[in-house]
Protein backbone atom coordinates (compact mmCIF):
# COMPACT_ATOMS: atom_id res chain seq x y z
CA MET A 1 -68.42 11.28 -30.61
CA SER A 2 -64.67 12.96 -30.96
CA ALA A 3 -63.07 12.31 -33.94
CA THR A 4 -59.62 10.08 -33.53
CA THR A 5 -56.18 10.69 -33.98
CA THR A 6 -53.62 7.74 -34.97
CA ILE A 7 -49.99 7.97 -33.39
CA TYR A 8 -47.28 5.89 -32.52
CA VAL A 9 -46.07 5.57 -28.71
CA ASN A 10 -43.08 2.59 -29.08
CA THR A 11 -43.88 2.05 -32.12
CA ARG A 12 -47.24 0.96 -31.61
CA PRO A 13 -49.88 2.72 -32.92
CA VAL A 14 -52.62 4.57 -30.63
CA GLU A 15 -56.12 5.98 -31.44
CA VAL A 16 -57.05 9.00 -29.22
CA THR A 17 -59.54 12.07 -28.94
CA GLU A 18 -57.47 14.34 -27.08
CA ARG A 19 -56.05 17.42 -29.19
CA LYS A 20 -53.05 17.94 -26.60
CA ILE A 21 -51.07 14.58 -24.92
CA GLY A 22 -49.02 14.94 -22.06
CA TYR A 23 -46.41 13.88 -19.87
CA ASP A 24 -48.10 11.37 -17.82
CA GLU A 25 -50.83 9.95 -20.52
CA LEU A 26 -47.95 9.07 -22.71
CA ILE A 27 -46.47 7.38 -19.59
CA ALA A 28 -49.88 5.14 -19.16
CA LEU A 29 -49.91 4.75 -23.21
CA ALA A 30 -46.29 3.00 -23.17
CA TYR A 31 -46.57 1.06 -20.08
CA PRO A 32 -50.56 0.08 -19.57
CA GLY A 33 -51.73 -1.49 -16.19
CA GLU A 34 -48.00 -0.68 -15.04
CA ALA A 35 -47.40 0.90 -11.57
CA VAL A 36 -44.76 4.03 -11.95
CA THR A 37 -42.48 3.56 -8.49
CA PRO A 38 -40.48 6.42 -7.16
CA ASP A 39 -37.42 4.89 -8.58
CA MET A 40 -38.67 4.92 -12.25
CA THR A 41 -37.63 7.84 -14.54
CA PHE A 42 -39.07 8.58 -18.13
CA THR A 43 -37.52 10.28 -20.74
CA ILE A 44 -39.85 11.23 -23.82
CA THR A 45 -39.01 12.20 -27.54
CA TYR A 46 -41.03 13.27 -30.31
CA SER A 47 -41.01 13.88 -33.66
CA ARG A 48 -43.83 14.54 -37.11
CA GLY A 49 -45.28 16.79 -34.33
CA ALA A 50 -47.56 20.02 -35.55
CA ASP A 51 -46.31 23.91 -36.87
CA GLY A 52 -43.68 25.24 -34.07
CA HIS A 53 -44.10 21.74 -32.24
CA GLY A 54 -42.01 19.67 -34.57
CA SER A 55 -39.94 17.55 -32.66
CA GLY A 56 -38.56 17.45 -29.15
CA SER A 57 -39.00 16.35 -25.60
CA LEU A 58 -41.43 16.30 -23.02
CA THR A 59 -41.06 16.68 -19.20
CA VAL A 60 -42.73 16.44 -15.80
CA GLY A 61 -46.30 18.38 -16.35
CA ALA A 62 -45.75 19.41 -20.15
CA GLU A 63 -47.89 18.08 -22.88
CA VAL A 64 -48.03 18.71 -26.79
CA PRO A 65 -50.52 19.08 -29.67
CA VAL A 66 -51.55 16.10 -31.24
CA LYS A 67 -50.58 15.45 -34.81
CA LYS A 68 -51.93 12.31 -36.95
CA GLY A 69 -48.94 9.92 -37.39
CA MET A 70 -46.84 11.43 -34.90
CA VAL A 71 -43.95 9.45 -33.04
CA PHE A 72 -43.62 8.97 -29.04
CA ASP A 73 -40.03 7.31 -27.64
CA VAL A 74 -41.04 6.92 -23.96
CA TYR A 75 -38.10 4.86 -22.57
CA ARG A 76 -37.83 3.68 -19.10
CA THR A 77 -34.99 3.82 -16.63
CA ILE A 78 -35.21 2.17 -13.09
CA ARG A 79 -32.73 3.42 -10.09
CA SER A 80 -31.42 0.00 -8.34
C-alpha cells in the first residue's frame, strides 16, 4: 500500500499517492467531473514545495515533486 500525502488544491485538502503531480492531474482535482474544452485555459501556481521547488507555476505537461502541505491554486478562464 502506498503512503498518502495531503496537499491543498484550491484550499481543499486532497490525499495523493504520487511522488510527483502534473498539470492535468491538478486540473482534474480542482474541477472534478468537468470536461475540459478548447475554450478553457488554466493557470496553476503552487507554494510550500520541496527543496528547489518552493513556489512557482506549472504549464501544460509540467509536473512538480509533491510535499506534505503543498498548496496549489488552479484558476480557470473561459473564452467567450
